[in-house]
Amino acid sequence: MDVFFKTICFATAFIFCMCSSAYKEVEVVNNFSKEKYLGKWYEIARMDFKYEKDLNNTTAEYSAIDGNKIKVVNRGYNYKTGEWKEAVGKAKFKTTEDKGELLVSFFGPFYGAYNIVELDPDYQYSLVMGGSETTLWILSRSKTIPSQIKEKYLTKAKELGFDVSKFIWVEHNK
């Protein structure tokens, strides 16, 4: 086996392992309802994320497909180029459907963590942690959130070890 092939195999295995698990164990939402979570969510704030660089007006739309899988459509407006960007992926539950612990893929067989760590009882606001200490989102069913929800989610983010001063507060004007 040549060195190039071994390197490719190692890199692929490494990326797969990194993408398939969270950077640390977190407590996710229990008694989760996929049906209530489906639909459109507005991104209120995020940690800077290379796939969302220079995007505002960002949304995520979730719809049911193939039994327990979920179609994911992320959309945002690149304010530097003046163009809309869209990424379509899929999500599946990591363990059981009653836990807010999913795996999301936009790149074939590679999945990243999608951990719902806070969710209000009416499924209007959500705090989602990705697979590293640099991926975190505050989501809402509307383009704004009440200050008490914002403060609650910022406190939770700090407890999880995030530097909330690095949050990008998303503009929704389109």
N, C-alpha and C. Protein backbone atom coordinates (compact mmCIF):
# COMPACT_ATOMS: atom_id res chain seq x y z
N MET A 1 0.85 -1.17 0.00
CA MET A 1 0.00 0.00 0.00
C MET A 1 0.90 1.24 0.00
N ASP A 2 0.63 2.17 -0.89
CA ASP A 2 1.51 3.33 -0.95
C ASP A 2 1.18 4.36 0.13
N VAL A 3 2.09 5.26 0.36
CA VAL A 3 1.97 6.25 1.43
C VAL A 3 0.77 7.17 1.21
N PHE A 4 0.54 7.57 -0.03
CA PHE A 4 -0.59 8.46 -0.33
C PHE A 4 -1.91 7.81 0.09
N PHE A 5 -2.11 6.55 -0.29
CA PHE A 5 -3.36 5.86 0.04
C PHE A 5 -3.52 5.73 1.56
N LYS A 6 -2.44 5.39 2.27
CA LYS A 6 -2.49 5.28 3.73
C LYS A 6 -2.85 6.62 4.36
N THR A 7 -2.27 7.69 3.83
CA THR A 7 -2.55 9.02 4.36
C THR A 7 -4.02 9.38 4.16
N ILE A 8 -4.56 9.10 2.98
CA ILE A 8 -5.96 9.37 2.70
C ILE A 8 -6.86 8.57 3.63
N CYS A 9 -6.56 7.29 3.82
CA CYS A 9 -7.36 6.45 4.72
C CYS A 9 -7.33 6.98 6.15
N PHE A 10 -6.15 7.35 6.63
CA PHE A 10 -6.03 7.88 7.99
C PHE A 10 -6.80 9.18 8.13
N ALA A 11 -6.64 10.08 7.17
CA ALA A 11 -7.32 11.38 7.23
C ALA A 11 -8.83 11.20 7.20
N THR A 12 -9.32 10.31 6.37
CA THR A 12 -10.76 10.05 6.29
C THR A 12 -11.28 9.50 7.62
N ALA A 13 -10.57 8.53 8.18
CA ALA A 13 -10.97 7.96 9.47
C ALA A 13 -10.95 9.01 10.57
N PHE A 14 -9.94 9.87 10.58
CA PHE A 14 -9.82 10.92 11.58
C PHE A 14 -10.98 11.89 11.48
N ILE A 15 -11.27 12.33 10.25
CA ILE A 15 -12.37 13.28 10.05
C ILE A 15 -13.69 12.64 10.45
N PHE A 16 -13.89 11.38 10.10
CA PHE A 16 -15.13 10.70 10.45
C PHE A 16 -15.30 10.64 11.96
N CYS A 17 -14.26 10.31 12.66
CA CYS A 17 -14.34 10.24 14.13
C CYS A 17 -14.60 11.60 14.74
N MET A 18 -13.97 12.63 14.22
CA MET A 18 -14.14 13.97 14.75
C MET A 18 -15.55 14.49 14.48
N CYS A 19 -16.10 14.15 13.34
CA CYS A 19 -17.42 14.64 12.96
C CYS A 19 -18.54 13.89 13.65
N SER A 20 -18.29 12.70 14.13
CA SER A 20 -19.38 11.89 14.63
C SER A 20 -19.59 11.98 16.13
N SER A 21 -18.83 12.79 16.82
CA SER A 21 -19.02 12.89 18.26
C SER A 21 -18.89 14.32 18.73
N ALA A 22 -19.52 14.62 19.84
CA ALA A 22 -19.43 15.95 20.42
C ALA A 22 -18.08 16.11 21.10
N TYR A 23 -17.65 17.36 21.27
CA TYR A 23 -16.33 17.57 21.85
C TYR A 23 -16.31 17.24 23.32
N LYS A 24 -17.45 17.27 23.97
CA LYS A 24 -17.54 16.81 25.35
C LYS A 24 -18.97 16.37 25.61
N GLU A 25 -19.13 15.54 26.60
CA GLU A 25 -20.46 15.06 26.92
C GLU A 25 -21.30 16.21 27.48
N VAL A 26 -22.49 16.35 26.97
CA VAL A 26 -23.41 17.38 27.45
C VAL A 26 -24.76 16.75 27.70
N GLU A 27 -25.51 17.36 28.58
CA GLU A 27 -26.86 16.89 28.84
C GLU A 27 -27.79 17.52 27.81
N VAL A 28 -28.46 16.68 27.06
CA VAL A 28 -29.37 17.16 26.03
C VAL A 28 -30.81 17.11 26.54
N VAL A 29 -31.69 17.74 25.80
CA VAL A 29 -33.11 17.77 26.13
C VAL A 29 -33.68 16.35 26.06
N ASN A 30 -34.45 16.00 27.08
CA ASN A 30 -35.18 14.72 27.10
C ASN A 30 -36.65 14.99 26.79
N ASN A 31 -37.41 13.95 26.56
CA ASN A 31 -38.83 14.07 26.18
C ASN A 31 -38.98 14.95 24.95
N PHE A 32 -38.05 14.80 24.02
CA PHE A 32 -38.01 15.60 22.80
C PHE A 32 -39.08 15.12 21.82
N SER A 33 -39.71 16.06 21.12
CA SER A 33 -40.70 15.74 20.10
C SER A 33 -40.22 16.24 18.75
N LYS A 34 -39.88 15.31 17.89
CA LYS A 34 -39.43 15.68 16.55
C LYS A 34 -40.51 16.50 15.84
N GLU A 35 -41.76 16.09 15.95
CA GLU A 35 -42.85 16.77 15.25
C GLU A 35 -42.96 18.23 15.66
N LYS A 36 -42.78 18.53 16.95
CA LYS A 36 -42.85 19.91 17.42
C LYS A 36 -41.65 20.74 16.97
N TYR A 37 -40.51 20.07 16.77
CA TYR A 37 -39.27 20.78 16.42
C TYR A 37 -39.20 21.09 14.92
N LEU A 38 -39.89 20.32 14.10
CA LEU A 38 -39.85 20.53 12.66
C LEU A 38 -40.37 21.93 12.31
N GLY A 39 -39.93 22.42 11.16
CA GLY A 39 -40.36 23.74 10.70
C GLY A 39 -39.19 24.69 10.61
N LYS A 40 -39.52 25.96 10.51
CA LYS A 40 -38.50 26.99 10.29
C LYS A 40 -38.03 27.60 11.61
N TRP A 41 -36.70 27.76 11.70
CA TRP A 41 -36.05 28.40 12.84
C TRP A 41 -35.16 29.53 12.31
N TYR A 42 -35.18 30.65 13.01
CA TYR A 42 -34.29 31.77 12.69
C TYR A 42 -33.06 31.69 13.59
N GLU A 43 -31.92 31.89 13.00
CA GLU A 43 -30.68 31.92 13.77
C GLU A 43 -30.57 33.32 14.40
N ILE A 44 -30.58 33.35 15.72
CA ILE A 44 -30.50 34.62 16.45
C ILE A 44 -29.04 34.97 16.70
N ALA A 45 -28.26 33.98 17.11
CA ALA A 45 -26.84 34.19 17.40
C ALA A 45 -26.09 32.90 17.13
N ARG A 46 -24.79 33.05 16.85
CA ARG A 46 -23.95 31.88 16.62
C ARG A 46 -22.51 32.22 16.96
N MET A 47 -21.76 31.18 17.24
CA MET A 47 -20.31 31.32 17.28
C MET A 47 -19.88 31.35 15.81
N ASP A 48 -18.86 32.11 15.49
CA ASP A 48 -18.42 32.21 14.10
C ASP A 48 -18.13 30.81 13.57
N PHE A 49 -18.60 30.54 12.39
CA PHE A 49 -18.55 29.20 11.81
C PHE A 49 -18.22 29.36 10.33
N LYS A 50 -17.19 28.67 9.86
CA LYS A 50 -16.68 28.92 8.50
C LYS A 50 -17.72 28.75 7.42
N TYR A 51 -18.68 27.86 7.62
CA TYR A 51 -19.70 27.65 6.60
C TYR A 51 -20.76 28.74 6.60
N GLU A 52 -20.74 29.60 7.62
CA GLU A 52 -21.70 30.69 7.70
C GLU A 52 -21.01 32.06 7.65
N LYS A 53 -19.77 32.07 7.22
CA LYS A 53 -19.00 33.32 7.17
C LYS A 53 -19.72 34.34 6.29
N ASP A 54 -19.86 35.55 6.81
CA ASP A 54 -20.47 36.69 6.11
C ASP A 54 -21.95 36.48 5.81
N LEU A 55 -22.62 35.58 6.53
CA LEU A 55 -24.05 35.38 6.31
C LEU A 55 -24.88 36.04 7.40
N ASN A 56 -25.98 36.65 6.97
CA ASN A 56 -27.01 37.09 7.90
C ASN A 56 -28.33 36.56 7.36
N ASN A 57 -29.43 36.91 8.01
CA ASN A 57 -30.74 36.39 7.60
C ASN A 57 -30.73 34.86 7.52
N THR A 58 -30.01 34.23 8.42
CA THR A 58 -29.84 32.78 8.37
C THR A 58 -31.01 32.06 9.04
N THR A 59 -31.42 30.98 8.38
CA THR A 59 -32.51 30.16 8.87
C THR A 59 -32.15 28.68 8.70
N ALA A 60 -32.86 27.87 9.45
CA ALA A 60 -32.78 26.41 9.30
C ALA A 60 -34.21 25.91 9.20
N GLU A 61 -34.45 25.06 8.24
CA GLU A 61 -35.78 24.48 8.10
C GLU A 61 -35.65 22.97 8.15
N TYR A 62 -36.47 22.37 9.02
CA TYR A 62 -36.42 20.93 9.24
C TYR A 62 -37.75 20.31 8.81
N SER A 63 -37.66 19.21 8.05
CA SER A 63 -38.87 18.49 7.65
C SER A 63 -38.60 16.99 7.73
N ALA A 64 -39.64 16.23 7.99
CA ALA A 64 -39.52 14.78 8.16
C ALA A 64 -39.32 14.09 6.81
N ILE A 65 -38.41 13.13 6.80
CA ILE A 65 -38.20 12.26 5.63
C ILE A 65 -37.87 10.86 6.13
N ASP A 66 -38.18 9.88 5.34
CA ASP A 66 -37.77 8.49 5.59
C ASP A 66 -37.87 8.06 7.06
N GLY A 67 -39.05 8.04 7.61
CA GLY A 67 -39.22 7.55 8.97
C GLY A 67 -38.69 8.50 10.01
N ASN A 68 -37.54 8.16 10.61
CA ASN A 68 -37.01 8.99 11.70
C ASN A 68 -35.93 9.97 11.25
N LYS A 69 -35.73 10.13 9.95
CA LYS A 69 -34.72 11.08 9.46
C LYS A 69 -35.35 12.44 9.20
N ILE A 70 -34.50 13.45 9.16
CA ILE A 70 -34.96 14.83 9.00
C ILE A 70 -34.17 15.50 7.88
N LYS A 71 -34.88 16.16 7.00
CA LYS A 71 -34.23 16.97 5.97
C LYS A 71 -33.89 18.32 6.59
N VAL A 72 -32.68 18.80 6.33
CA VAL A 72 -32.20 20.07 6.88
C VAL A 72 -31.89 21.01 5.71
N VAL A 73 -32.47 22.20 5.73
CA VAL A 73 -32.16 23.22 4.72
C VAL A 73 -31.71 24.47 5.47
N ASN A 74 -30.42 24.76 5.38
CA ASN A 74 -29.86 25.97 5.97
C ASN A 74 -29.73 27.02 4.88
N ARG A 75 -30.13 28.23 5.21
CA ARG A 75 -30.13 29.30 4.21
C ARG A 75 -29.64 30.58 4.85
N GLY A 76 -28.90 31.37 4.09
CA GLY A 76 -28.42 32.66 4.59
C GLY A 76 -28.05 33.58 3.45
N TYR A 77 -28.02 34.86 3.76
CA TYR A 77 -27.70 35.89 2.77
C TYR A 77 -26.28 36.38 3.00
N ASN A 78 -25.43 36.26 1.98
CA ASN A 78 -24.07 36.74 2.08
C ASN A 78 -24.09 38.24 1.79
N TYR A 79 -23.92 39.03 2.84
CA TYR A 79 -24.03 40.48 2.69
C TYR A 79 -22.85 41.09 1.95
N LYS A 80 -21.77 40.35 1.75
CA LYS A 80 -20.64 40.86 0.98
C LYS A 80 -20.82 40.64 -0.52
N THR A 81 -21.38 39.49 -0.90
CA THR A 81 -21.55 39.19 -2.32
C THR A 81 -22.96 39.52 -2.82
N GLY A 82 -23.90 39.71 -1.88
CA GLY A 82 -25.28 39.98 -2.27
C GLY A 82 -26.00 38.75 -2.78
N GLU A 83 -25.55 37.57 -2.37
CA GLU A 83 -26.14 36.32 -2.85
C GLU A 83 -26.67 35.47 -1.69
N TRP A 84 -27.75 34.77 -1.97
CA TRP A 84 -28.28 33.79 -1.02
C TRP A 84 -27.49 32.50 -1.15
N LYS A 85 -27.21 31.87 -0.02
CA LYS A 85 -26.52 30.58 0.02
C LYS A 85 -27.47 29.58 0.66
N GLU A 86 -27.38 28.34 0.20
CA GLU A 86 -28.22 27.30 0.76
C GLU A 86 -27.44 25.99 0.84
N ALA A 87 -27.64 25.29 1.93
CA ALA A 87 -27.03 23.97 2.10
C ALA A 87 -28.13 23.00 2.51
N VAL A 88 -28.20 21.87 1.84
CA VAL A 88 -29.22 20.87 2.13
C VAL A 88 -28.51 19.64 2.70
N GLY A 89 -29.03 19.15 3.81
CA GLY A 89 -28.45 17.99 4.46
C GLY A 89 -29.51 17.11 5.06
N LYS A 90 -29.05 16.22 5.91
CA LYS A 90 -29.97 15.30 6.58
C LYS A 90 -29.51 15.11 8.02
N ALA A 91 -30.47 14.77 8.85
CA ALA A 91 -30.17 14.52 10.27
C ALA A 91 -30.80 13.19 10.67
N LYS A 92 -30.17 12.57 11.65
CA LYS A 92 -30.72 11.34 12.22
C LYS A 92 -30.47 11.39 13.72
N PHE A 93 -31.25 10.64 14.45
CA PHE A 93 -31.10 10.61 15.89
C PHE A 93 -29.88 9.76 16.26
N LYS A 94 -29.11 10.26 17.21
CA LYS A 94 -27.92 9.53 17.64
C LYS A 94 -28.30 8.29 18.44
N THR A 95 -29.30 8.43 19.29
CA THR A 95 -29.75 7.28 20.09
C THR A 95 -31.24 7.06 19.86
N THR A 96 -32.08 7.69 20.65
CA THR A 96 -33.53 7.52 20.52
C THR A 96 -34.18 8.86 20.16
N GLU A 97 -35.38 8.78 19.60
CA GLU A 97 -36.08 9.97 19.13
C GLU A 97 -36.57 10.88 20.25
N ASP A 98 -36.55 10.42 21.48
CA ASP A 98 -37.03 11.27 22.58
C ASP A 98 -35.89 12.07 23.23
N LYS A 99 -34.71 12.04 22.62
CA LYS A 99 -33.56 12.82 23.11
C LYS A 99 -33.15 13.81 22.03
N GLY A 100 -32.86 15.02 22.44
CA GLY A 100 -32.44 16.06 21.50
C GLY A 100 -30.97 15.92 21.12
N GLU A 101 -30.61 14.75 20.69
CA GLU A 101 -29.23 14.43 20.34
C GLU A 101 -29.23 13.82 18.94
N LEU A 102 -28.82 14.65 17.97
CA LEU A 102 -28.86 14.22 16.58
C LEU A 102 -27.48 14.30 15.95
N LEU A 103 -27.39 13.71 14.79
CA LEU A 103 -26.20 13.80 13.94
C LEU A 103 -26.65 14.39 12.61
N VAL A 104 -25.92 15.37 12.11
CA VAL A 104 -26.30 16.08 10.89
C VAL A 104 -25.18 15.93 9.87
N SER A 105 -25.59 15.74 8.61
CA SER A 105 -24.61 15.60 7.53
C SER A 105 -24.96 16.49 6.35
N PHE A 106 -23.96 17.21 5.88
CA PHE A 106 -24.07 17.96 4.64
C PHE A 106 -23.05 17.44 3.63
N PHE A 107 -22.23 16.48 4.07
CA PHE A 107 -21.12 15.97 3.26
C PHE A 107 -21.12 14.44 3.25
N GLY A 108 -22.04 13.85 2.52
CA GLY A 108 -22.04 12.40 2.37
C GLY A 108 -22.10 11.65 3.68
N PRO A 109 -21.13 10.77 3.93
CA PRO A 109 -21.20 9.91 5.11
C PRO A 109 -20.68 10.57 6.40
N PHE A 110 -20.30 11.84 6.33
CA PHE A 110 -19.71 12.50 7.50
C PHE A 110 -20.78 13.24 8.27
N TYR A 111 -20.89 12.93 9.56
CA TYR A 111 -21.92 13.52 10.41
C TYR A 111 -21.27 14.34 11.52
N GLY A 112 -21.93 15.43 11.88
CA GLY A 112 -21.52 16.25 13.00
C GLY A 112 -22.60 16.27 14.06
N ALA A 113 -22.21 16.58 15.28
CA ALA A 113 -23.14 16.58 16.41
C ALA A 113 -24.08 17.77 16.34
N TYR A 114 -25.32 17.54 16.74
CA TYR A 114 -26.36 18.56 16.86
C TYR A 114 -27.06 18.26 18.17
N ASN A 115 -26.62 18.94 19.24
CA ASN A 115 -27.12 18.67 20.58
C ASN A 115 -28.02 19.82 21.05
N ILE A 116 -29.28 19.52 21.27
CA ILE A 116 -30.22 20.52 21.76
C ILE A 116 -30.09 20.53 23.28
N VAL A 117 -29.45 21.58 23.81
CA VAL A 117 -29.16 21.63 25.24
C VAL A 117 -30.15 22.47 26.03
N GLU A 118 -30.93 23.30 25.35
CA GLU A 118 -32.03 24.05 25.97
C GLU A 118 -33.14 24.16 24.95
N LEU A 119 -34.38 24.04 25.43
CA LEU A 119 -35.54 24.16 24.57
C LEU A 119 -36.73 24.52 25.44
N ASP A 120 -37.42 25.59 25.07
CA ASP A 120 -38.57 25.97 25.89
C ASP A 120 -39.72 24.98 25.64
N PRO A 121 -40.66 24.90 26.57
CA PRO A 121 -41.74 23.90 26.47
C PRO A 121 -42.62 24.06 25.22
N ASP A 122 -42.70 25.27 24.68
CA ASP A 122 -43.54 25.52 23.51
C ASP A 122 -42.78 25.39 22.20
N TYR A 123 -41.51 24.99 22.27
CA TYR A 123 -40.66 24.81 21.08
C TYR A 123 -40.56 26.09 20.24
N GLN A 124 -40.33 27.21 20.96
CA GLN A 124 -40.16 28.50 20.29
C GLN A 124 -38.70 28.95 20.28
N TYR A 125 -37.89 28.47 21.23
CA TYR A 125 -36.50 28.89 21.38
C TYR A 125 -35.64 27.67 21.68
N SER A 126 -34.44 27.65 21.08
CA SER A 126 -33.58 26.48 21.22
C SER A 126 -32.12 26.92 21.30
N LEU A 127 -31.36 26.24 22.14
CA LEU A 127 -29.91 26.43 22.22
C LEU A 127 -29.29 25.12 21.75
N VAL A 128 -28.51 25.21 20.68
CA VAL A 128 -27.95 24.02 20.03
C VAL A 128 -26.44 24.09 20.04
N MET A 129 -25.83 23.01 20.49
CA MET A 129 -24.38 22.88 20.53
C MET A 129 -23.94 21.88 19.47
N GLY A 130 -22.92 22.26 18.72
CA GLY A 130 -22.37 21.34 17.72
C GLY A 130 -21.34 20.43 18.33
N GLY A 131 -20.39 20.02 17.53
CA GLY A 131 -19.42 19.03 17.95
C GLY A 131 -18.11 19.59 18.47
N SER A 132 -18.05 20.89 18.73
CA SER A 132 -16.81 21.45 19.26
C SER A 132 -17.13 22.64 20.15
N GLU A 133 -16.09 23.14 20.79
CA GLU A 133 -16.27 24.29 21.69
C GLU A 133 -16.46 25.59 20.91
N THR A 134 -16.52 25.49 19.60
CA THR A 134 -16.69 26.69 18.78
C THR A 134 -18.00 26.69 17.99
N THR A 135 -18.88 25.73 18.23
CA THR A 135 -20.14 25.70 17.50
C THR A 135 -21.32 25.71 18.46
N LEU A 136 -22.06 26.80 18.40
CA LEU A 136 -23.22 26.99 19.27
C LEU A 136 -24.16 27.97 18.58
N TRP A 137 -25.44 27.68 18.65
CA TRP A 137 -26.45 28.53 18.03
C TRP A 137 -27.59 28.79 18.99
N ILE A 138 -28.14 30.00 18.94
CA ILE A 138 -29.41 30.32 19.56
C ILE A 138 -30.41 30.45 18.41
N LEU A 139 -31.48 29.67 18.49
CA LEU A 139 -32.50 29.64 17.44
C LEU A 139 -33.85 30.07 18.00
N SER A 140 -34.67 30.63 17.11
CA SER A 140 -36.00 31.08 17.50
C SER A 140 -36.97 30.88 16.35
N ARG A 141 -38.22 30.71 16.68
CA ARG A 141 -39.26 30.62 15.64
C ARG A 141 -39.55 31.98 15.03
N SER A 142 -39.12 33.05 15.69
CA SER A 142 -39.30 34.40 15.17
C SER A 142 -37.92 35.06 15.06
N LYS A 143 -37.88 36.24 14.47
CA LYS A 143 -36.61 36.91 14.20
C LYS A 143 -35.97 37.55 15.42
N THR A 144 -36.66 37.52 16.55
CA THR A 144 -36.12 38.08 17.80
C THR A 144 -36.47 37.13 18.94
N ILE A 145 -35.81 37.35 20.08
CA ILE A 145 -36.14 36.57 21.27
C ILE A 145 -36.30 37.52 22.46
N PRO A 146 -37.12 37.14 23.42
CA PRO A 146 -37.26 37.97 24.63
C PRO A 146 -35.95 38.02 25.41
N SER A 147 -35.73 39.11 26.12
CA SER A 147 -34.47 39.28 26.85
C SER A 147 -34.26 38.20 27.90
N GLN A 148 -35.32 37.70 28.55
CA GLN A 148 -35.13 36.67 29.58
C GLN A 148 -34.66 35.35 28.97
N ILE A 149 -35.12 35.03 27.77
CA ILE A 149 -34.64 33.82 27.07
C ILE A 149 -33.18 34.02 26.67
N LYS A 150 -32.88 35.19 26.15
CA LYS A 150 -31.51 35.50 25.75
C LYS A 150 -30.56 35.33 26.93
N GLU A 151 -30.90 35.90 28.06
CA GLU A 151 -30.04 35.80 29.24
C GLU A 151 -29.92 34.36 29.74
N LYS A 152 -31.03 33.63 29.73
CA LYS A 152 -31.00 32.22 30.15
C LYS A 152 -30.05 31.42 29.27
N TYR A 153 -30.13 31.62 27.96
CA TYR A 153 -29.31 30.86 27.03
C TYR A 153 -27.85 31.29 27.07
N LEU A 154 -27.60 32.57 27.30
CA LEU A 154 -26.21 33.03 27.47
C LEU A 154 -25.59 32.43 28.73
N THR A 155 -26.36 32.36 29.79
CA THR A 155 -25.88 31.75 31.04
C THR A 155 -25.55 30.27 30.81
N LYS A 156 -26.43 29.56 30.13
CA LYS A 156 -26.19 28.15 29.83
C LYS A 156 -24.94 27.98 28.97
N ALA A 157 -24.78 28.85 27.98
CA ALA A 157 -23.60 28.78 27.11
C ALA A 157 -22.32 28.97 27.92
N LYS A 158 -22.32 29.90 28.84
CA LYS A 158 -21.15 30.12 29.71
C LYS A 158 -20.88 28.88 30.55
N GLU A 159 -21.95 28.27 31.09
CA GLU A 159 -21.79 27.05 31.88
C GLU A 159 -21.16 25.92 31.06
N LEU A 160 -21.44 25.92 29.76
CA LEU A 160 -20.88 24.90 28.87
C LEU A 160 -19.45 25.23 28.44
N GLY A 161 -18.95 26.40 28.87
CA GLY A 161 -17.57 26.77 28.56
C GLY A 161 -17.39 27.67 27.36
N PHE A 162 -18.47 28.23 26.84
CA PHE A 162 -18.38 29.10 25.67
C PHE A 162 -18.10 30.54 26.08
N ASP A 163 -17.29 31.22 25.29
CA ASP A 163 -17.03 32.64 25.46
C ASP A 163 -18.10 33.40 24.69
N VAL A 164 -19.15 33.81 25.38
CA VAL A 164 -20.30 34.41 24.70
C VAL A 164 -19.99 35.79 24.11
N SER A 165 -18.86 36.37 24.47
CA SER A 165 -18.48 37.64 23.85
C SER A 165 -18.15 37.44 22.37
N LYS A 166 -17.95 36.19 21.97
CA LYS A 166 -17.63 35.87 20.57
C LYS A 166 -18.87 35.58 19.73
N PHE A 167 -20.04 35.66 20.34
CA PHE A 167 -21.26 35.43 19.59
C PHE A 167 -21.42 36.46 18.47
N ILE A 168 -21.90 36.01 17.34
CA ILE A 168 -22.31 36.89 16.25
C ILE A 168 -23.83 36.97 16.34
N TRP A 169 -24.34 38.19 16.50
CA TRP A 169 -25.78 38.40 16.59
C TRP A 169 -26.30 38.65 15.18
N VAL A 170 -27.13 37.77 14.72
CA VAL A 170 -27.54 37.73 13.31
C VAL A 170 -28.60 38.78 13.01
N GLU A 171 -28.37 39.50 11.94
CA GLU A 171 -29.33 40.50 11.45
C GLU A 171 -30.34 39.80 10.54
N HIS A 172 -31.61 40.13 10.71
CA HIS A 172 -32.67 39.62 9.85
C HIS A 172 -33.40 40.80 9.24
N ASN A 173 -32.99 41.16 8.03
CA ASN A 173 -33.57 42.32 7.37
C ASN A 173 -33.99 42.05 5.93
N LYS A 174 -33.99 40.81 5.53
CA LYS A 174 -34.37 40.45 4.15
C LYS A 174 -35.64 39.62 4.14
